[in-house]
Structures are given as C-alpha cells and as structure tokens.
Amino acid sequence: MAVVMPDEQHKFIVSIMYRIFIYLLILCTTVSVSAENLVILHTNDTHSQIDPDSDGRGGVLRRKAIIDSIRVAEPNVLLVDAGDAFQGTPYFNLFGGIVECEAIHRMGYDIQILGNHEFDNGIDSLARVYGKVEGVARLSSNYVLDSTPLKSLFKQYIIKEYCGRRIGVIALNLIPSGMIADANCKGVVYRDAIAVGDSLAGALKKNERVDYVVALTHIGYTAKPGLPSDVLLAKNSRNIDLIIGGHSHTTINPGDAKCPECVFNNADGRKVVVCQAGGSGKLIGCVKLNLDDFSVSNSLMPVDKRYDDRVDSCLNSFLAPYREKVDSLMNNTIIVSEIAIARRTVLASNFISDLAMNLTQPVYGSKVDLAIMNVGGMRRDVPSGDVSEGLVKAMFPFDNKLQVLEIRGDKLIAAFAVMAGRGGDSVSHGVKVIYDGNGKIVSAKLNGKKIKKNKKYKLLTLDYLANGGDYMEPLKSGKRIFSDTMKFGDRVLDYLKSLGADGGKISVSDELRMEKIE
C-alpha cells in the first residue's frame, strides 16, 4: 500500500535531501580542485662545476638525479638557472661553454638567464655556443640585444600554465659597466633592472592575464649604493611576486638560524620572497608555490654523494670524453704548496699580488713601484700539497693581461678607497693602507713613505682593472706604458711550472696590507 505524505512533511524531506546533495557536491568539488603546487627548482652561479668540487659536493650527475626524482614525485616542476653557469673549471677553459650548455639541456632545464661570466669569451663566442644547444628558453628582460648576435636567441619573458594558473617569468641582469669588459658585451644596452622588472610584470598581469610573476635575477642579493639588488627589487616593486636570484652566491636557507632575511614588504606592503642557492652547484633551491593561494615555502637541498648510485648513463657517457681531457690536467702536478690558500682571504690577496710582482722582470723587463690586483680574479683555492696544471688553469681562467700604468698618487689613493669599500683587496708587499669603517683612506704608504698625491708611480695591474673593471674607475686615468700579450693565467702557469721544476714551493706572506680600523 502506498503511503502518501502530507505536503509539509514532503517538502521538509526534499529540502533536507537537497541540502545533503549540495553539501556532497561542494565536498566533491573541493576535493577535485584541492590546492596544487608548482615546484620551482633553481640554481645559480654553478660556474662550470661539472664534477664535484674539491670538498666533494656538487656535480651535474648528482644534480640530475635529484631533479629526476622530484619530477617523478611532483606533477608540476619548473627548473630554472639564474646565471653564471660558465667559468670556474677547466671544462670552460678547454671547451668554451659547450659542456655546460649541453649539461643544462640534458638535465631538462626549462629556463636559463645570463650572468656576467657568460660573456667571458666575448659575445660572438657566446652566441655560437648557445646556438648549438636548443631546448632551453633563454630570457633577458632589461638587456636590449637587438644589435648583438644574441638577438634571436633570447625572449623578454615566458608564460607557463599550471592547473589553469598563468605564471610569468622575467629575467633581470646587472649593469655591465664595471663587471663585464666592454669589448665582450659590445652592443648590449642596459635598462634599469628595477623599473623594467616592475613595469613588465605589471604589463603581464594586465595584458596577458598572468596570475603570478617570478623574476629570475643576476644582480645580487645586496649591492653597492647605486646598483640594483634583489632586496631593492623586492622593496620597490609592486607587481613581482617571487625573486630567484644569483650573482652574490648568497645561501638563503630559511631552516638556518643565520639565513639572510628572505621575506620583504614590497611598495604596496605585500610580502615578496627572495631565494638564492649559494654557488658551484652544491645546492639546489626548491620553492613550493601553492597554486590556490600563492603561498610560498622555500628550502635548499644539498647535492652530495647520496645520489652517486643514481647516475644517468646518457649524461655520463656524454661527459666522458670531456672529463678525460680535464682529468689529464687535474692529475698533472706542477708544484707543491706549503700552505692552503683559501679564496678571498688575506693570504689569497697577497698570493696574487706577489705573483704579479714576481712576473714583473720577465714580462716587463724593469721595476715597478707596486701592484694592484683583484682577489676575485682567483677562482679556486690553493690546497696544501700538490697543485696541478688544471687547478692553476681553473684558478686564473680569465682573458686578462698584465699592464703597467703611470699614475698619479691621488688616483692610487682613490683606487685604494674603491678596494676598501669591498673590505680590502690585493696589493703588493711594501704597500700599507689603513681605512675606516666608511671606506675612507686614513693612511696610504709605499715602503714606509706616504704616497704623494702629485707624484707619478709605476703601477702593475690587469687590463681589466685598468679599464675600470671591478669599479676601479680611478685606474682609467693612468697612462699605459706597457701591455703584455699573454694571458695572466698562462704567465702564472709557466712561472709555477718553472718554480716547481727547480724545487721551489708556493709560499705566501700573511701580512695585513690593507687594514680596517674602527
């Protein structure tokens, strides 16, 4: 017998069932569109470190193992490099960048940007090497490349789509002047990184319906006054959402109590995260971007021997013939060092300038008053013990040549001030410079005598510095009275080979030649 419900009771039950249906529909919908992540893996300043470094960390085979494992676990992965993939080991000295470019392609990088060291062999060489390897999007947003051979190889931005979200990526580079030799970047026109970056990001959001903008940068975490930096970009922009940087080799690991600040308020008071992954390929940065609310978490992953059992055979086979040539240099001992000399230390500063002074007679054939070098030109540590031919080549890899300048004392003092501004640099024995916390020169003496502003001195230096490189503008006023024709690194290699063959060893003074006083 059928039961007929009263109208009110029927309406109530229908209402309850409708509410349950709507709840289940909402629940199912919520589950189906639950927040997805975009995992952005990033590196910077890997500097030709194809194999593990002397401390056993890094190496592209390990890096690829990490990248591949994350791609298996995560549906949305974007792999980017923030510049300076070139220069630092014999792989670049011998093969000019092709190994690095091919490795980046084989590791599956999606995006690559320029660093200053990409220009070390000149812009024509860079274009040839890049032209041989395809498959990686190359970006440059604030360099105008229309009058260079790089024009067709670079885009201003790229848009990637993940789970319906449009992610824009732009690339911002440093001011070439003072960092890149003019001849090596001929035709490149620089536009203000911060202004271009924010303007382009805004245009992408307005005109291209981009939801989120990532700025890949090679300007440094912080910089000298008047220069762009990641921190300034974060604070002064309105439309950039995430910054992944390079150039300063800054290790930004939020899990470390000593980590540099990485979250900043932008010009509108909105939070912007800045990321960077040290250098030499020893770390891979990992950003997890929630594609629902665009919240960010960032961390660093060490590239170490734990991944040695997951070597990619194809990449390993590609590297084998190149590695054989590199190893032949790295295993050829030419001299022994009595002491370990770490880069960017007082020992390194003295070592470089002493080398230059020892080369004065055989290269120039006469005496000079002093030498000024740049400790940043030394790219590898000197170990205690055996020093190989390959290590020396990697230590001084640049196409720099010695020059002798005739220069006034006031310009020398001005050059010392530039060096003091970065915490001191490389000067020869007999020079004693004292400066205060503001980089002001308190005293400058040569062989115990005060440097006279109007007196002319013979200065031994590198053509890179004489042309104003490393912001050494005062040296540009010097009169060139001698220019070598051989690379400084080759001069050093020949000198150390000869010294080692005669039973000599590398030794270095620990005297403090540039001293800061409080």
Protein backbone atom coordinates (compact mmCIF):
# COMPACT_ATOMS: atom_id res chain seq x y z
CA MET A 1 0.00 0.00 0.00
CA ALA A 2 1.45 3.38 -0.93
CA VAL A 3 1.91 5.91 1.84
CA VAL A 4 1.02 9.48 0.99
CA MET A 5 2.94 12.06 2.95
CA PRO A 6 1.45 15.34 3.99
CA ASP A 7 2.65 18.20 1.80
CA GLU A 8 4.65 19.94 4.54
CA GLN A 9 6.45 16.72 5.53
CA HIS A 10 7.29 16.01 1.89
CA LYS A 11 8.67 19.49 1.38
CA PHE A 12 10.84 19.16 4.53
CA ILE A 13 12.36 15.85 3.42
CA VAL A 14 13.02 17.20 -0.07
CA SER A 15 14.69 20.23 1.47
CA ILE A 16 16.95 18.05 3.64
CA MET A 17 17.90 15.82 0.70
CA TYR A 18 18.66 18.91 -1.40
CA ARG A 19 20.96 20.29 1.29
CA ILE A 20 22.77 16.96 1.57
CA PHE A 21 23.16 16.87 -2.20
CA ILE A 22 24.59 20.39 -2.28
CA TYR A 23 27.00 19.56 0.59
CA LEU A 24 28.23 16.43 -1.18
CA LEU A 25 28.58 18.39 -4.42
CA ILE A 26 30.66 21.05 -2.64
CA LEU A 27 32.73 18.36 -0.95
CA CYS A 28 33.41 16.58 -4.23
CA THR A 29 34.21 19.86 -5.93
CA THR A 30 36.61 20.82 -3.13
CA VAL A 31 38.39 17.51 -3.39
CA SER A 32 38.67 17.73 -7.17
CA VAL A 33 40.26 21.21 -7.10
CA SER A 34 42.31 20.89 -3.93
CA ALA A 35 45.37 23.09 -3.96
CA GLU A 36 48.09 22.04 -6.40
CA ASN A 37 51.72 23.02 -6.00
CA LEU A 38 54.20 24.27 -8.56
CA VAL A 39 57.68 23.15 -7.56
CA ILE A 40 60.33 25.57 -8.82
CA LEU A 41 63.84 24.11 -8.70
CA HIS A 42 66.58 26.69 -9.08
CA THR A 43 70.36 27.01 -9.30
CA ASN A 44 72.73 29.94 -9.76
CA ASP A 45 76.44 30.60 -10.12
CA THR A 46 77.27 26.95 -10.82
CA HIS A 47 80.47 28.16 -12.56
CA SER A 48 81.30 25.16 -14.76
CA GLN A 49 81.30 22.79 -11.79
CA ILE A 50 80.54 19.73 -13.90
CA ASP A 51 82.19 17.35 -11.42
CA PRO A 52 82.03 17.58 -7.61
CA ASP A 53 84.12 20.37 -6.11
CA SER A 54 87.26 19.78 -4.05
CA ASP A 55 85.07 19.47 -0.94
CA GLY A 56 83.16 16.57 -2.54
CA ARG A 57 79.90 18.44 -3.09
CA GLY A 58 78.04 19.27 -6.28
CA GLY A 59 78.33 17.75 -9.75
CA VAL A 60 75.82 17.63 -12.60
CA LEU A 61 75.25 13.85 -12.41
CA ARG A 62 74.06 14.20 -8.83
CA ARG A 63 72.06 17.27 -9.72
CA LYS A 64 70.25 15.39 -12.47
CA ALA A 65 69.45 12.52 -10.10
CA ILE A 66 67.77 14.95 -7.71
CA ILE A 67 65.89 16.72 -10.49
CA ASP A 68 64.67 13.45 -12.00
CA SER A 69 63.44 12.10 -8.66
CA ILE A 70 61.45 15.26 -7.96
CA ARG A 71 59.92 15.18 -11.42
CA VAL A 72 58.70 11.64 -10.73
CA ALA A 73 57.09 12.72 -7.45
CA GLU A 74 55.66 16.10 -8.48
CA PRO A 75 53.32 16.76 -11.43
CA ASN A 76 54.28 20.42 -11.83
CA VAL A 77 58.01 21.23 -11.90
CA LEU A 78 59.78 24.29 -13.32
CA LEU A 79 63.59 24.11 -13.48
CA VAL A 80 65.49 27.41 -13.82
CA ASP A 81 69.05 28.76 -13.67
CA ALA A 82 69.85 32.33 -12.60
CA GLY A 83 73.11 32.82 -14.49
CA ASP A 84 76.87 32.30 -14.31
CA ALA A 85 76.75 28.70 -15.48
CA PHE A 86 80.12 29.43 -17.15
CA GLN A 87 83.69 29.92 -15.92
CA GLY A 88 85.48 28.32 -13.00
CA THR A 89 86.89 24.95 -14.06
CA PRO A 90 88.95 23.64 -17.00
CA TYR A 91 85.71 22.48 -18.62
CA PHE A 92 85.15 26.10 -19.62
CA ASN A 93 88.80 26.87 -20.34
CA LEU A 94 89.09 23.92 -22.70
CA PHE A 95 85.66 23.76 -24.32
CA GLY A 96 84.28 27.29 -24.12
CA GLY A 97 80.86 26.60 -22.60
CA ILE A 98 79.52 23.81 -24.79
CA VAL A 99 79.75 21.25 -21.96
CA GLU A 100 77.82 23.48 -19.57
CA CYS A 101 75.13 24.28 -22.15
CA GLU A 102 74.68 20.66 -23.15
CA ALA A 103 74.53 19.54 -19.50
CA ILE A 104 71.85 22.16 -18.78
CA HIS A 105 69.86 20.86 -21.74
CA ARG A 106 70.27 17.21 -20.70
CA MET A 107 69.24 17.95 -17.11
CA GLY A 108 66.00 19.34 -18.51
CA TYR A 109 66.23 23.00 -17.55
CA ASP A 110 63.22 24.99 -18.70
CA ILE A 111 64.72 28.48 -18.40
CA GLN A 112 68.21 29.95 -18.32
CA ILE A 113 69.31 33.58 -17.89
CA LEU A 114 72.56 35.44 -18.44
CA GLY A 115 75.21 36.02 -15.81
CA ASN A 116 78.19 38.31 -16.25
CA HIS A 117 80.57 35.37 -16.76
CA GLU A 118 78.61 34.12 -19.73
CA PHE A 119 80.38 36.97 -21.57
CA ASP A 120 83.92 35.93 -20.60
CA ASN A 121 84.83 34.67 -24.07
CA GLY A 122 83.01 37.50 -25.80
CA ILE A 123 79.50 37.90 -27.16
CA ASP A 124 80.25 36.24 -30.53
CA SER A 125 81.54 33.10 -28.82
CA LEU A 126 78.53 33.08 -26.51
CA ALA A 127 76.12 33.27 -29.45
CA ARG A 128 77.90 30.38 -31.21
CA VAL A 129 77.76 28.15 -28.13
CA TYR A 130 74.13 28.97 -27.36
CA GLY A 131 73.20 28.41 -31.00
CA LYS A 132 74.45 24.82 -30.84
CA VAL A 133 72.16 23.79 -27.97
CA GLU A 134 68.40 24.20 -28.19
CA GLY A 135 65.51 23.22 -25.95
CA VAL A 136 66.07 25.74 -23.14
CA ALA A 137 64.18 29.05 -23.05
CA ARG A 138 66.68 31.89 -22.60
CA LEU A 139 65.38 35.12 -21.11
CA SER A 140 66.65 38.68 -20.80
CA SER A 141 64.19 41.45 -19.92
CA ASN A 142 66.35 44.51 -19.29
CA TYR A 143 69.18 43.94 -21.78
CA VAL A 144 68.40 45.25 -25.25
CA LEU A 145 70.10 42.73 -27.53
CA ASP A 146 68.82 43.94 -30.91
CA SER A 147 72.29 44.95 -32.10
CA THR A 148 74.00 41.77 -30.96
CA PRO A 149 74.25 38.18 -32.26
CA LEU A 150 72.16 37.12 -29.24
CA LYS A 151 69.03 38.84 -30.56
CA SER A 152 67.28 35.75 -31.93
CA LEU A 153 68.32 33.55 -29.01
CA PHE A 154 66.53 35.42 -26.21
CA LYS A 155 62.97 36.28 -25.22
CA GLN A 156 61.92 39.07 -22.88
CA TYR A 157 59.60 36.82 -20.86
CA ILE A 158 57.82 33.48 -20.93
CA ILE A 159 54.41 32.39 -19.67
CA LYS A 160 53.86 28.87 -18.33
CA GLU A 161 50.46 27.44 -17.33
CA TYR A 162 49.88 25.02 -14.47
CA CYS A 163 46.43 23.88 -13.30
CA GLY A 164 44.83 26.84 -15.00
CA ARG A 165 47.20 29.35 -13.40
CA ARG A 166 49.33 31.51 -15.68
CA ILE A 167 52.87 32.02 -14.36
CA GLY A 168 55.01 34.72 -15.96
CA VAL A 169 58.81 34.56 -15.75
CA ILE A 170 61.10 37.53 -16.45
CA ALA A 171 64.90 37.94 -16.27
CA LEU A 172 66.81 40.90 -14.84
CA ASN A 173 70.55 41.44 -15.22
CA LEU A 174 73.25 43.59 -13.66
CA ILE A 175 74.80 46.75 -15.06
CA PRO A 176 77.54 45.54 -17.45
CA SER A 177 79.84 48.53 -16.87
CA GLY A 178 82.39 47.68 -14.20
CA MET A 179 81.61 43.95 -14.31
CA ILE A 180 81.91 42.89 -17.95
CA ALA A 181 84.71 44.00 -20.26
CA ASP A 182 83.27 46.46 -22.78
CA ALA A 183 84.59 44.50 -25.76
CA ASN A 184 82.91 41.32 -24.51
CA CYS A 185 79.39 42.77 -24.39
CA LYS A 186 79.53 45.10 -27.38
CA GLY A 187 76.05 46.20 -28.47
CA VAL A 188 74.30 45.25 -25.21
CA VAL A 189 72.17 48.11 -23.92
CA TYR A 190 71.29 48.07 -20.23
CA ARG A 191 67.93 49.31 -18.94
CA ASP A 192 67.20 49.85 -15.26
CA ALA A 193 66.51 46.43 -13.76
CA ILE A 194 64.04 47.54 -11.11
CA ALA A 195 62.00 49.86 -13.35
CA VAL A 196 61.88 47.39 -16.25
CA GLY A 197 61.13 44.46 -13.98
CA ASP A 198 58.15 46.02 -12.24
CA SER A 199 56.77 47.57 -15.43
CA LEU A 200 56.99 44.31 -17.39
CA ALA A 201 55.46 42.34 -14.51
CA GLY A 202 52.55 44.77 -14.41
CA ALA A 203 52.03 44.53 -18.16
CA LEU A 204 51.99 40.73 -18.00
CA LYS A 205 49.30 40.79 -15.34
CA LYS A 206 47.20 43.40 -17.14
CA ASN A 207 47.59 42.40 -20.78
CA GLU A 208 48.46 38.70 -20.66
CA ARG A 209 46.17 37.68 -17.75
CA VAL A 210 49.18 36.38 -15.82
CA ASP A 211 48.34 35.40 -12.22
CA TYR A 212 51.86 35.39 -10.75
CA VAL A 213 55.25 36.78 -11.82
CA VAL A 214 58.63 35.24 -11.00
CA ALA A 215 61.73 37.40 -11.51
CA LEU A 216 64.93 35.47 -12.21
CA THR A 217 67.78 37.84 -11.48
CA HIS A 218 71.53 38.12 -11.73
CA ILE A 219 72.03 41.33 -9.77
CA GLY A 220 72.99 40.03 -6.32
CA TYR A 221 71.16 39.80 -3.00
CA THR A 222 72.59 43.16 -1.96
CA ALA A 223 74.86 45.56 -3.83
CA LYS A 224 76.87 48.74 -3.54
CA PRO A 225 74.93 52.03 -3.39
CA GLY A 226 73.55 53.00 -6.77
CA LEU A 227 73.36 49.41 -8.04
CA PRO A 228 70.26 47.22 -8.27
CA SER A 229 69.85 44.21 -5.96
CA ASP A 230 67.27 41.60 -5.08
CA VAL A 231 66.46 43.34 -1.80
CA LEU A 232 65.88 46.68 -3.55
CA LEU A 233 63.82 44.96 -6.24
CA ALA A 234 61.63 43.31 -3.62
CA LYS A 235 61.08 46.54 -1.69
CA ASN A 236 60.47 48.82 -4.67
CA SER A 237 58.29 46.71 -6.94
CA ARG A 238 54.51 46.28 -6.93
CA ASN A 239 53.94 43.51 -9.46
CA ILE A 240 56.75 40.99 -8.88
CA ASP A 241 55.67 38.11 -6.64
CA LEU A 242 58.81 35.98 -6.23
CA ILE A 243 62.52 36.67 -6.79
CA ILE A 244 65.02 33.91 -7.55
CA GLY A 245 68.49 35.42 -7.72
CA GLY A 246 72.15 34.92 -8.43
CA HIS A 247 75.50 36.74 -8.68
CA SER A 248 76.25 37.21 -4.96
CA HIS A 249 76.44 33.44 -4.22
CA THR A 250 74.14 34.01 -1.23
CA THR A 251 72.90 30.93 0.60
CA ILE A 252 69.28 31.61 1.60
CA ASN A 253 68.05 28.70 3.69
CA PRO A 254 65.11 29.57 5.96
CA GLY A 255 65.91 26.48 8.04
CA ASP A 256 69.22 28.03 9.11
CA ALA A 257 69.20 30.50 12.01
CA LYS A 258 71.92 32.51 10.25
CA CYS A 259 69.96 32.73 7.00
CA PRO A 260 69.82 36.21 5.45
CA GLU A 261 66.40 37.82 5.52
CA CYS A 262 64.31 36.44 2.69
CA VAL A 263 60.84 37.98 3.09
CA PHE A 264 60.32 41.68 2.35
CA ASN A 265 57.39 44.05 2.05
CA ASN A 266 57.04 45.45 -1.45
CA ALA A 267 55.96 49.01 -2.31
CA ASP A 268 52.34 48.06 -1.58
CA GLY A 269 53.13 46.29 1.69
CA ARG A 270 52.71 42.81 0.20
CA LYS A 271 55.18 40.03 1.07
CA VAL A 272 57.79 39.06 -1.52
CA VAL A 273 60.13 36.09 -1.03
CA VAL A 274 63.76 36.26 -2.24
CA CYS A 275 65.61 32.99 -2.93
CA GLN A 276 69.19 32.10 -3.85
CA ALA A 277 71.13 28.82 -3.70
CA GLY A 278 74.76 29.61 -2.93
CA GLY A 279 77.15 28.66 -5.72
CA SER A 280 79.14 25.96 -7.55
CA GLY A 281 76.08 23.72 -7.84
CA LYS A 282 76.43 22.45 -4.29
CA LEU A 283 72.79 23.21 -3.52
CA ILE A 284 69.50 23.14 -5.40
CA GLY A 285 66.84 25.60 -4.32
CA CYS A 286 63.28 24.33 -4.02
CA VAL A 287 60.28 26.68 -3.99
CA LYS A 288 56.82 25.22 -3.43
CA LEU A 289 54.22 27.61 -4.77
CA ASN A 290 50.62 26.87 -3.75
CA LEU A 291 48.61 27.49 -6.91
CA ASP A 292 45.44 28.09 -4.88
CA ASP A 293 46.50 30.95 -2.59
CA PHE A 294 50.06 31.55 -3.95
CA SER A 295 51.68 30.95 -0.58
CA VAL A 296 55.38 30.10 -0.79
CA SER A 297 57.74 27.82 1.08
CA ASN A 298 61.40 27.64 0.10
CA SER A 299 64.29 25.40 1.08
CA LEU A 300 67.69 24.14 -0.11
CA MET A 301 68.75 20.60 -0.98
CA PRO A 302 72.42 19.54 -0.72
CA VAL A 303 73.96 17.95 -3.80
CA ASP A 304 76.18 15.25 -2.34
CA LYS A 305 77.33 11.64 -2.62
CA ARG A 306 73.96 10.21 -1.52
CA TYR A 307 72.95 10.32 -5.20
CA ASP A 308 76.02 8.58 -6.64
CA ASP A 309 74.12 5.32 -7.13
CA ARG A 310 71.61 7.03 -9.47
CA VAL A 311 73.94 8.20 -12.22
CA ASP A 312 72.25 8.95 -15.55
CA SER A 313 74.15 6.80 -18.04
CA CYS A 314 73.41 9.03 -21.05
CA LEU A 315 74.69 12.17 -19.35
CA ASN A 316 77.68 10.27 -18.01
CA SER A 317 78.54 8.98 -21.49
CA PHE A 318 78.29 12.49 -22.92
CA LEU A 319 80.68 13.85 -20.27
CA ALA A 320 83.24 11.02 -20.50
CA PRO A 321 85.46 12.32 -23.36
CA TYR A 322 85.46 15.84 -21.95
CA ARG A 323 86.24 14.58 -18.46
CA GLU A 324 89.19 12.56 -19.74
CA LYS A 325 90.88 15.72 -21.03
CA VAL A 326 90.11 17.65 -17.87
CA ASP A 327 91.39 14.85 -15.64
CA SER A 328 94.69 14.75 -17.55
CA LEU A 329 95.28 18.35 -16.45
CA MET A 330 93.96 17.90 -12.92
CA ASN A 331 96.28 14.93 -12.34
CA ASN A 332 99.42 16.67 -13.64
CA THR A 333 101.18 18.07 -10.55
CA ILE A 334 103.48 21.01 -11.32
CA ILE A 335 104.34 22.36 -7.86
CA VAL A 336 103.74 21.85 -4.15
CA SER A 337 102.21 24.46 -1.86
CA GLU A 338 103.45 24.79 1.70
CA ILE A 339 100.13 26.22 2.82
CA ALA A 340 96.43 26.12 1.93
CA ILE A 341 95.27 29.42 0.45
CA ALA A 342 91.52 29.99 0.54
CA ARG A 343 89.94 32.38 -1.93
CA ARG A 344 89.02 35.92 -0.86
CA THR A 345 91.33 35.90 2.16
CA VAL A 346 94.39 37.96 3.13
CA LEU A 347 96.56 35.03 2.04
CA ALA A 348 94.91 34.97 -1.37
CA SER A 349 95.28 38.74 -1.78
CA ASN A 350 99.00 38.57 -1.00
CA PHE A 351 99.49 35.48 -3.15
CA ILE A 352 98.04 37.17 -6.26
CA SER A 353 99.94 40.44 -5.94
CA ASP A 354 103.18 38.63 -5.11
CA LEU A 355 102.76 36.50 -8.23
CA ALA A 356 102.31 39.66 -10.28
CA MET A 357 105.42 41.27 -8.83
CA ASN A 358 107.45 38.10 -9.46
CA LEU A 359 106.41 38.33 -13.11
CA THR A 360 107.46 41.96 -13.48
CA GLN A 361 111.07 41.40 -14.56
CA PRO A 362 110.47 38.57 -17.06
CA VAL A 363 107.36 40.26 -18.52
CA TYR A 364 108.10 43.99 -18.33
CA GLY A 365 111.88 43.89 -18.02
CA SER A 366 112.07 46.69 -15.49
CA LYS A 367 110.98 47.60 -11.98
CA VAL A 368 107.58 48.92 -10.92
CA ASP A 369 106.59 50.65 -7.68
CA LEU A 370 103.64 48.48 -6.72
CA ALA A 371 100.96 46.09 -7.95
CA ILE A 372 97.18 46.20 -7.58
CA MET A 373 95.24 43.03 -8.40
CA ASN A 374 91.73 41.76 -7.64
CA VAL A 375 91.33 38.84 -5.28
CA GLY A 376 88.06 37.98 -7.08
CA GLY A 377 90.15 37.03 -10.11
CA MET A 378 91.31 33.93 -8.24
CA ARG A 379 88.57 31.35 -8.77
CA ARG A 380 89.88 28.33 -6.86
CA ASP A 381 91.54 27.65 -3.51
CA VAL A 382 95.17 26.51 -3.38
CA PRO A 383 95.43 23.25 -1.40
CA SER A 384 98.25 22.40 0.91
CA GLY A 385 100.36 19.90 -1.03
CA ASP A 386 100.19 19.03 -4.73
CA VAL A 387 98.99 21.72 -7.13
CA SER A 388 98.06 20.58 -10.62
CA GLU A 389 98.18 22.25 -14.01
CA GLY A 390 94.39 22.00 -14.25
CA LEU A 391 93.93 23.67 -10.88
CA VAL A 392 96.10 26.62 -11.88
CA LYS A 393 94.13 27.00 -15.12
CA ALA A 394 90.91 27.00 -13.13
CA MET A 395 92.41 29.36 -10.57
CA PHE A 396 93.18 32.09 -13.12
CA PRO A 397 90.82 31.44 -16.03
CA PHE A 398 90.18 34.93 -17.35
CA ASP A 399 91.42 36.55 -20.54
CA ASN A 400 93.23 39.25 -18.54
CA LYS A 401 96.72 40.57 -19.30
CA LEU A 402 99.25 42.49 -17.25
CA GLN A 403 99.67 46.21 -17.88
CA VAL A 404 101.97 48.85 -16.45
CA LEU A 405 100.43 52.26 -15.82
CA GLU A 406 101.99 55.58 -14.96
CA ILE A 407 99.54 57.03 -12.47
CA ARG A 408 99.33 59.90 -10.01
CA GLY A 409 99.28 59.27 -6.28
CA ASP A 410 95.84 60.82 -5.78
CA LYS A 411 94.37 58.34 -8.26
CA LEU A 412 96.12 55.49 -6.46
CA ILE A 413 94.55 56.61 -3.20
CA ALA A 414 91.16 56.82 -4.91
CA ALA A 415 91.66 53.24 -6.16
CA PHE A 416 92.50 52.13 -2.61
CA ALA A 417 89.20 53.68 -1.50
CA VAL A 418 87.28 51.55 -4.01
CA MET A 419 89.12 48.49 -2.71
CA ALA A 420 88.43 49.48 0.91
CA GLY A 421 84.73 49.72 0.05
CA ARG A 422 84.70 45.97 -0.55
CA GLY A 423 86.75 45.16 2.54
CA GLY A 424 90.23 45.39 1.04
CA ASP A 425 91.85 43.72 -1.94
CA SER A 426 95.18 42.63 -3.38
CA VAL A 427 98.20 44.96 -3.11
CA SER A 428 101.89 44.14 -3.27
CA HIS A 429 104.42 43.93 -0.45
CA GLY A 430 105.52 47.36 0.74
CA VAL A 431 102.04 48.87 0.43
CA LYS A 432 100.28 49.69 3.69
CA VAL A 433 96.77 51.14 3.51
CA ILE A 434 94.66 51.96 6.56
CA TYR A 435 90.98 52.78 6.12
CA ASP A 436 88.00 53.38 8.40
CA GLY A 437 84.56 51.78 8.60
CA ASN A 438 83.24 54.10 5.89
CA GLY A 439 85.95 53.10 3.42
CA LYS A 440 87.80 56.40 3.84
CA ILE A 441 91.57 56.16 3.44
CA VAL A 442 93.27 57.19 6.68
CA SER A 443 96.81 56.44 5.55
CA ALA A 444 98.47 55.15 2.38
CA LYS A 445 102.18 54.36 2.36
CA LEU A 446 104.66 52.74 0.00
CA ASN A 447 107.79 51.26 1.53
CA GLY A 448 107.13 53.28 4.68
CA LYS A 449 106.72 56.61 2.88
CA LYS A 450 103.45 58.46 2.45
CA ILE A 451 102.08 58.26 -1.09
CA LYS A 452 102.21 61.77 -2.53
CA LYS A 453 99.14 62.93 -4.42
CA ASN A 454 101.05 64.71 -7.20
CA LYS A 455 103.81 62.16 -7.64
CA LYS A 456 103.66 59.65 -10.51
CA TYR A 457 104.07 55.95 -9.79
CA LYS A 458 104.57 52.88 -11.94
CA LEU A 459 101.69 50.51 -11.26
CA LEU A 460 101.45 46.87 -12.36
CA THR A 461 97.87 45.69 -12.75
CA LEU A 462 95.50 43.83 -15.09
CA ASP A 463 93.98 45.35 -18.21
CA TYR A 464 90.55 44.51 -16.77
CA LEU A 465 91.19 46.76 -13.77
CA ALA A 466 92.98 49.40 -15.85
CA ASN A 467 89.83 49.66 -17.97
CA GLY A 468 87.69 50.29 -14.88
CA GLY A 469 86.62 46.70 -14.19
CA ASP A 470 85.54 45.83 -10.64
CA TYR A 471 84.51 49.50 -10.42
CA MET A 472 88.16 50.64 -10.45
CA GLU A 473 87.37 53.86 -12.31
CA PRO A 474 90.40 55.75 -10.86
CA LEU A 475 92.79 53.48 -12.76
CA LYS A 476 91.35 54.61 -16.09
CA SER A 477 93.29 57.86 -15.67
CA GLY A 478 96.64 56.06 -15.76
CA LYS A 479 98.90 56.26 -18.81
CA ARG A 480 99.56 52.81 -20.28
CA ILE A 481 103.28 52.34 -20.78
CA PHE A 482 103.29 48.55 -21.24
CA SER A 483 100.75 45.87 -22.23
CA ASP A 484 101.51 42.16 -22.13
CA THR A 485 100.36 39.89 -24.96
CA MET A 486 99.94 36.70 -22.92
CA LYS A 487 97.11 35.90 -20.51
CA PHE A 488 97.95 36.42 -16.86
CA GLY A 489 96.87 32.85 -16.07
CA ASP A 490 99.26 31.45 -18.67
CA ARG A 491 102.07 33.60 -17.23
CA VAL A 492 101.31 32.24 -13.77
CA LEU A 493 101.22 28.67 -15.05
CA ASP A 494 104.61 29.00 -16.75
CA TYR A 495 106.11 30.66 -13.67
CA LEU A 496 104.82 27.98 -11.26
CA LYS A 497 105.94 25.18 -13.59
CA SER A 498 109.44 26.65 -13.69
CA LEU A 499 109.49 27.23 -9.94
CA GLY A 500 108.32 23.69 -9.25
CA ALA A 501 110.85 22.18 -11.66
CA ASP A 502 113.63 23.95 -9.73
CA GLY A 503 112.37 22.51 -6.44
CA GLY A 504 110.61 25.66 -5.33
CA LYS A 505 107.30 25.66 -3.49
CA ILE A 506 104.36 28.02 -3.14
CA SER A 507 104.64 30.13 -0.02
CA VAL A 508 102.83 33.32 0.91
CA SER A 509 103.07 36.14 3.44
CA ASP A 510 100.27 36.63 5.94
CA GLU A 511 100.94 40.35 6.46
CA LEU A 512 97.89 42.60 6.51
CA ARG A 513 98.48 45.16 3.75
CA MET A 514 95.02 46.77 3.78
CA GLU A 515 93.81 47.26 7.32
CA LYS A 516 90.47 48.49 8.60
CA ILE A 517 90.38 50.47 11.84
CA GLU A 518 87.30 51.22 13.90
